[in-house]
Protein backbone atom coordinates (compact mmCIF):
# COMPACT_ATOMS: atom_id res chain seq x y z
CA MET A 1 57.10 -199.13 103.27
CA ASP A 2 60.31 -199.50 100.94
CA GLU A 3 63.75 -198.74 102.61
CA LEU A 4 64.77 -195.16 103.27
CA ASP A 5 67.19 -193.86 101.12
CA TRP A 6 69.73 -191.83 103.11
CA SER A 7 70.41 -189.94 100.56
CA ASP A 8 66.61 -189.01 100.08
CA LEU A 9 66.88 -187.69 104.05
CA ARG A 10 69.83 -185.18 102.56
CA TYR A 11 67.69 -184.00 100.17
CA ALA A 12 65.28 -183.10 102.63
CA LEU A 13 67.67 -181.40 104.87
CA ALA A 14 69.12 -179.03 101.74
CA ILE A 15 65.31 -178.50 101.73
CA GLY A 16 64.37 -177.28 105.17
CA SER A 17 67.26 -175.20 105.72
CA ALA A 18 67.20 -173.15 102.53
CA GLY A 19 63.42 -173.11 102.60
CA SER A 20 62.79 -173.59 98.74
CA LEU A 21 63.67 -175.88 95.84
CA VAL A 22 65.57 -173.75 94.03
CA ALA A 23 68.13 -172.66 96.79
CA ALA A 24 68.10 -176.33 98.29
CA ALA A 25 69.14 -177.13 94.70
CA ARG A 26 72.38 -174.49 94.44
CA GLN A 27 73.53 -175.86 97.95
CA LEU A 28 73.41 -179.53 96.63
CA ALA A 29 74.91 -178.16 93.35
CA VAL A 30 71.90 -179.90 91.24
CA ASN A 31 69.16 -179.56 88.66
CA HIS A 32 65.86 -178.02 91.09
CA THR A 33 63.95 -180.66 89.40
CA THR A 34 65.92 -183.13 90.68
CA VAL A 35 65.72 -181.59 94.32
CA LEU A 36 61.87 -182.07 93.93
CA ARG A 37 62.31 -185.79 92.05
CA ARG A 38 63.91 -186.48 95.57
CA LEU A 39 61.18 -185.17 97.40
CA ASP A 40 57.99 -186.85 95.91
CA ALA A 41 59.92 -189.77 96.02
CA LEU A 42 60.83 -189.46 99.88
CA GLU A 43 57.33 -187.94 100.73
CA LYS A 44 55.60 -191.49 98.63
CA ARG A 45 57.98 -193.83 100.69
CA LEU A 46 56.59 -192.34 103.77
CA GLY A 47 53.11 -191.40 102.97
CA ALA A 48 53.28 -188.32 104.15
CA ARG A 49 53.84 -184.76 102.90
CA LEU A 50 56.74 -183.05 104.49
CA PHE A 51 56.43 -179.59 103.52
CA GLU A 52 54.07 -177.22 102.70
CA ARG A 53 54.26 -175.22 99.44
CA THR A 54 53.62 -171.40 100.09
CA ARG A 55 54.42 -168.32 98.36
CA SER A 56 57.18 -167.62 101.28
CA GLY A 57 58.42 -170.98 100.46
CA TYR A 58 58.39 -174.34 101.92
CA LEU A 59 57.77 -174.73 105.42
CA PRO A 60 58.14 -178.61 106.97
CA THR A 61 54.87 -180.15 108.39
CA GLU A 62 54.36 -181.66 111.52
CA ALA A 63 55.46 -184.90 109.89
CA GLY A 64 58.12 -183.05 107.81
CA ALA A 65 59.57 -181.44 111.12
CA LEU A 66 59.99 -184.66 113.02
CA VAL A 67 61.80 -186.26 110.25
CA LEU A 68 63.80 -183.48 109.70
CA GLU A 69 64.89 -183.81 113.25
CA GLN A 70 66.08 -187.31 112.85
CA ALA A 71 67.95 -186.84 109.53
CA ARG A 72 70.14 -183.71 111.19
CA ARG A 73 70.70 -186.59 114.42
CA MET A 74 72.16 -189.02 110.83
CA ALA A 75 73.94 -186.63 109.97
CA ASP A 76 76.26 -185.38 112.83
CA GLN A 77 76.69 -189.76 113.12
CA ALA A 78 77.36 -190.11 109.47
CA ASP A 79 79.64 -186.65 110.16
CA GLU A 80 81.28 -188.27 113.46
CA ILE A 81 81.96 -192.26 111.54
CA GLU A 82 84.00 -190.32 108.88
CA ARG A 83 86.02 -188.15 110.95
CA ARG A 84 87.08 -191.20 113.47
CA VAL A 85 87.62 -192.83 110.36
CA LEU A 86 90.18 -190.08 108.53
CA GLY A 87 91.94 -189.88 112.12
CA ARG A 88 93.09 -193.46 111.94
CA ASP A 89 94.88 -192.28 108.64
CA ARG A 90 97.82 -193.40 108.99
CA GLU A 91 99.25 -192.82 105.26
CA LEU A 92 101.52 -189.34 104.47
CA THR A 93 99.35 -189.57 101.15
CA GLY A 94 95.96 -187.82 100.33
CA PRO A 95 93.89 -185.04 100.03
CA LEU A 96 94.06 -181.91 103.01
CA ARG A 97 91.95 -179.00 102.96
CA VAL A 98 93.09 -175.62 105.01
CA THR A 99 91.10 -172.58 105.26
CA THR A 100 92.46 -169.51 105.91
CA ALA A 101 92.15 -165.45 105.67
CA PHE A 102 93.39 -164.03 102.68
CA VAL A 103 95.96 -161.88 104.33
CA VAL A 104 97.70 -165.26 106.13
CA MET A 105 97.80 -166.86 102.42
CA ALA A 106 99.32 -163.77 101.54
CA HIS A 107 101.94 -163.02 103.73
CA LEU A 108 102.90 -166.14 106.22
CA LEU A 109 101.83 -169.34 104.08
CA PRO A 110 103.84 -169.71 100.81
CA GLN A 111 107.15 -170.51 101.99
CA PRO A 112 105.48 -172.91 104.95
CA LEU A 113 103.41 -174.35 102.03
CA ALA A 114 105.80 -174.61 99.02
CA ASP A 115 108.81 -176.50 102.38
CA PHE A 116 106.01 -178.62 103.16
CA ALA A 117 105.15 -179.41 99.07
CA ARG A 118 108.66 -180.74 98.98
CA ALA A 119 109.05 -182.89 101.83
CA PHE A 120 105.84 -184.73 101.54
CA PRO A 121 105.32 -185.31 97.74
CA GLY A 122 102.80 -187.50 98.55
CA ILE A 123 100.10 -185.02 100.05
CA GLU A 124 97.99 -182.05 98.29
CA VAL A 125 97.21 -179.82 99.85
CA GLU A 126 94.09 -177.29 99.05
CA VAL A 127 93.59 -173.81 100.41
CA VAL A 128 90.41 -172.53 100.79
CA GLU A 129 90.98 -168.56 101.17
CA ASN A 130 87.82 -166.91 103.50
CA ALA A 131 87.37 -164.21 106.07
CA PHE A 132 85.31 -167.06 108.37
CA LEU A 133 86.52 -169.92 110.15
CA VAL A 134 84.06 -172.61 108.43
CA ASP A 135 82.90 -175.65 110.40
CA LEU A 136 85.37 -178.26 110.18
CA THR A 137 82.88 -181.07 112.25
CA ARG A 138 80.42 -180.77 108.99
CA ARG A 139 79.93 -182.32 105.59
CA ARG A 140 78.53 -179.99 102.20
CA ALA A 141 75.24 -181.52 101.08
CA ASP A 142 76.75 -182.40 97.34
CA GLU A 143 77.43 -185.22 96.01
CA SER A 144 81.62 -185.03 96.00
CA PRO A 145 83.85 -187.40 97.30
CA ALA A 146 84.09 -188.10 100.26
CA TRP A 147 86.96 -186.25 101.09
CA ALA A 148 85.72 -183.61 98.86
CA TRP A 149 82.45 -182.71 101.57
CA ARG A 150 84.43 -181.25 104.14
CA GLU A 151 84.86 -178.02 104.63
CA ALA A 152 88.47 -177.91 105.57
CA ASP A 153 90.97 -180.36 107.62
CA VAL A 154 92.86 -177.61 109.40
CA ALA A 155 92.23 -173.80 109.50
CA VAL A 156 94.73 -170.93 110.22
CA ARG A 157 93.22 -168.15 111.71
CA LEU A 158 94.04 -165.01 113.57
CA THR A 159 91.39 -165.09 115.99
CA SER A 160 91.81 -164.72 120.02
CA GLN A 161 88.73 -167.22 120.65
CA VAL A 162 88.93 -170.73 119.91
CA ALA A 163 85.63 -173.16 119.42
CA GLU A 164 85.69 -175.11 122.16
CA HIS A 165 85.47 -178.48 119.60
CA LEU A 166 88.21 -177.97 118.24
CA VAL A 167 91.68 -178.52 119.15
CA GLY A 168 95.39 -176.98 117.99
CA ARG A 169 98.34 -174.71 119.00
CA PRO A 170 99.11 -170.71 119.39
CA LEU A 171 101.47 -170.00 116.57
CA GLY A 172 102.25 -166.95 117.71
CA MET A 173 100.89 -162.94 118.02
CA THR A 174 100.33 -161.02 114.64
CA HIS A 175 100.76 -157.07 115.84
CA CYS A 176 99.85 -153.82 114.16
CA ARG A 177 100.45 -150.12 112.78
CA VAL A 178 99.92 -147.13 111.39
CA TYR A 179 100.94 -146.74 108.09
CA ALA A 180 102.08 -144.55 105.14
CA LYS A 181 103.29 -144.15 101.58
CA ARG A 182 106.99 -143.08 101.57
CA GLY A 183 107.66 -139.08 100.38
CA ALA A 184 103.72 -139.13 99.69
CA GLN A 185 102.51 -135.31 100.40
CA GLY A 186 100.31 -134.72 102.72
CA LEU A 187 100.80 -137.55 104.66
CA PRO A 188 103.22 -138.51 108.21
CA GLN A 189 106.75 -139.30 107.19
CA GLY A 190 107.55 -140.02 110.72
CA VAL A 191 106.14 -141.98 114.04
CA ASP A 192 103.08 -139.72 115.41
CA THR A 193 101.01 -140.59 118.10
CA LEU A 194 97.69 -142.34 117.21
CA ALA A 195 95.45 -139.33 118.70
CA THR A 196 97.58 -137.15 116.10
CA LEU A 197 96.99 -139.23 112.89
CA VAL A 198 92.86 -139.84 113.88
CA ARG A 199 92.43 -136.06 114.02
CA ASP A 200 95.18 -134.71 111.08
CA ALA A 201 95.63 -137.27 108.32
CA PRO A 202 92.90 -139.22 105.93
CA TRP A 203 92.53 -142.86 106.57
CA ILE A 204 91.64 -145.81 104.42
CA THR A 205 89.37 -148.58 106.37
CA PHE A 206 87.47 -151.35 106.77
CA GLU A 207 83.55 -151.39 105.51
CA ARG A 208 81.51 -149.22 107.71
CA ASP A 209 79.24 -152.11 108.60
CA ALA A 210 81.52 -155.10 109.29
CA GLN A 211 82.12 -156.57 112.78
CA SER A 212 83.35 -159.26 113.13
CA ARG A 213 87.23 -158.67 113.66
CA VAL A 214 88.49 -157.20 116.06
CA TYR A 215 89.77 -154.79 114.00
CA ASP A 216 86.21 -153.49 112.63
CA GLN A 217 85.31 -152.90 116.39
CA TRP A 218 88.60 -150.46 116.94
CA MET A 219 88.18 -148.68 113.76
CA ARG A 220 84.58 -148.00 114.54
CA GLU A 221 85.02 -146.82 117.88
CA GLN A 222 88.71 -145.26 117.28
CA LEU A 223 88.37 -143.76 114.19
CA ALA A 224 84.43 -142.10 114.27
CA GLN A 225 85.53 -138.81 113.46
CA ALA A 226 88.21 -139.49 111.48
CA GLN A 227 89.03 -138.03 108.10
CA VAL A 228 87.84 -141.51 105.63
CA ARG A 229 88.82 -141.08 101.99
CA LEU A 230 87.87 -144.76 101.10
CA ARG A 231 86.62 -148.00 102.37
CA VAL A 232 87.74 -151.84 101.48
CA ASP A 233 87.26 -154.87 103.17
CA ILE A 234 90.50 -156.79 103.39
CA PHE A 235 93.88 -156.70 104.68
CA ASN A 236 95.65 -156.42 101.01
CA ALA A 237 93.31 -154.34 99.49
CA VAL A 238 94.23 -152.06 102.07
CA ALA A 239 97.71 -151.84 101.41
CA ALA A 240 97.38 -151.51 97.36
CA VAL A 241 95.67 -148.05 98.20
CA LEU A 242 98.12 -147.20 100.67
CA ARG A 243 100.68 -147.56 97.85
CA THR A 244 98.58 -144.57 96.08
CA GLY A 245 99.60 -142.29 99.12
CA LEU A 246 95.69 -141.37 99.69
CA GLY A 247 96.05 -142.10 103.41
CA VAL A 248 97.41 -143.45 106.23
CA GLY A 249 95.73 -147.39 107.30
CA ILE A 250 95.87 -149.90 109.70
CA LEU A 251 97.99 -153.44 108.63
CA PRO A 252 99.56 -156.04 110.42
CA THR A 253 103.63 -155.87 110.70
CA PHE A 254 103.97 -158.60 109.13
CA MET A 255 103.77 -157.54 105.90
CA GLU A 256 106.37 -155.02 105.68
CA PRO A 257 108.27 -157.25 104.03
CA GLN A 258 106.56 -157.57 100.53
CA HIS A 259 105.74 -153.09 100.73
CA PRO A 260 108.98 -151.61 101.08
CA GLU A 261 107.35 -148.59 99.71
CA LEU A 262 105.68 -148.11 103.27
CA GLN A 263 106.57 -147.08 106.29
CA PRO A 264 105.36 -147.34 110.17
CA VAL A 265 103.96 -143.86 111.09
CA SER A 266 102.63 -144.99 114.70
CA GLU A 267 103.69 -147.44 117.10
CA VAL A 268 102.32 -151.18 117.74
CA ILE A 269 99.07 -150.66 118.29
CA PRO A 270 98.16 -153.45 121.85
CA GLU A 271 94.67 -153.81 121.50
CA LEU A 272 94.76 -155.29 117.39
CA SER A 273 97.69 -157.77 118.77
CA VAL A 274 95.58 -161.23 117.94
CA PRO A 275 97.40 -164.47 117.71
CA VAL A 276 97.19 -166.79 114.97
CA TRP A 277 95.60 -170.49 115.68
CA MET A 278 96.48 -173.49 113.85
CA LEU A 279 93.02 -176.04 114.44
CA THR A 280 91.61 -179.21 113.96
CA HIS A 281 88.94 -181.72 115.04
CA PRO A 282 89.74 -183.57 117.81
CA ASP A 283 89.17 -186.82 115.86
CA LEU A 284 91.31 -186.05 112.37
CA ARG A 285 94.23 -184.81 114.74
CA GLN A 286 95.70 -188.45 114.96
CA THR A 287 95.37 -188.38 110.92
CA ALA A 288 99.12 -188.72 109.88
CA ARG A 289 99.24 -185.96 106.87
CA VAL A 290 96.74 -183.38 109.39
CA ARG A 291 99.52 -184.02 112.61
CA ALA A 292 102.46 -183.44 109.88
CA PHE A 293 100.79 -179.98 108.51
CA MET A 294 100.50 -178.86 111.59
CA GLN A 295 104.20 -179.14 112.54
CA HIS A 296 105.87 -178.53 110.06
CA VAL A 297 103.81 -175.76 108.57
CA GLY A 298 102.70 -174.64 111.82
CA ASP A 299 106.56 -174.30 112.92
CA GLY A 300 107.24 -172.87 109.55
CA VAL A 301 104.98 -170.12 110.39
CA ALA A 302 105.74 -169.26 113.82
CA ALA A 303 109.15 -169.11 113.00
CA LEU A 304 107.95 -166.02 110.67
CA LEU A 305 105.95 -164.41 113.15
CA GLU A 306 108.62 -164.11 115.88
CA ARG A 307 110.81 -161.79 113.03
CA TYR A 308 107.32 -159.11 113.51
């Protein structure tokens, strides 16, 4: 039997996880005919059919299940090798990918990132904004250069729950209050009790089915009987709607400087106080550029949080 090609096994893994050629091709960023060709080559090399082609998709055969299990182990080992090698990097140069939430990027990271870029011009930072903590330990199954496979080297997150396999530092606490447009008719213009606001004020809230964040859970419970005028998905959207004077809504207090037309109409809500964490994988924390980023940008964000 010819020697196995690891890249062929990656294609099999993509089919096994995606369940179809088209979905696997999308995940691998290639044409679906390429996926089929690589699968055919792998099955020919192994002398066994790895997937049953059904109307509902590609289902692994007994041989396919065995191959996928071993391939996943190989993928994990490859990831570990890459992390360990990256962790020995001592140069303050090269790319560094950071993942964070939209609200953190918009309000907490701009100045610390600018200061870092000026201090370390050899490090190219790429920020990926999303709402969830991506897997810092796995690579993308595509044809990108090795450094780009990793979802992120560092994550900056508003979260009270940190995965045990990650390491990092808490940068400080974020706090939330209810806000309304200054001078808007029909909206409260001074600090009132939360019970009164829920009873009397029109609200801008998050999506009805959202539940991954502490804010989602709080709104679902506390605002069940409130007059909801509009639902959006992120804090930046809440602030944009609040500026129209349509209603009141929850915002982190660190957003105040960029929204002087909004004023707090409640005290800080203790249940919504959440720490900001800066996280990485243990194998990467000694990488020079990761260490420098976590120290310098972390200190910058921590200083901002102390004001609010």
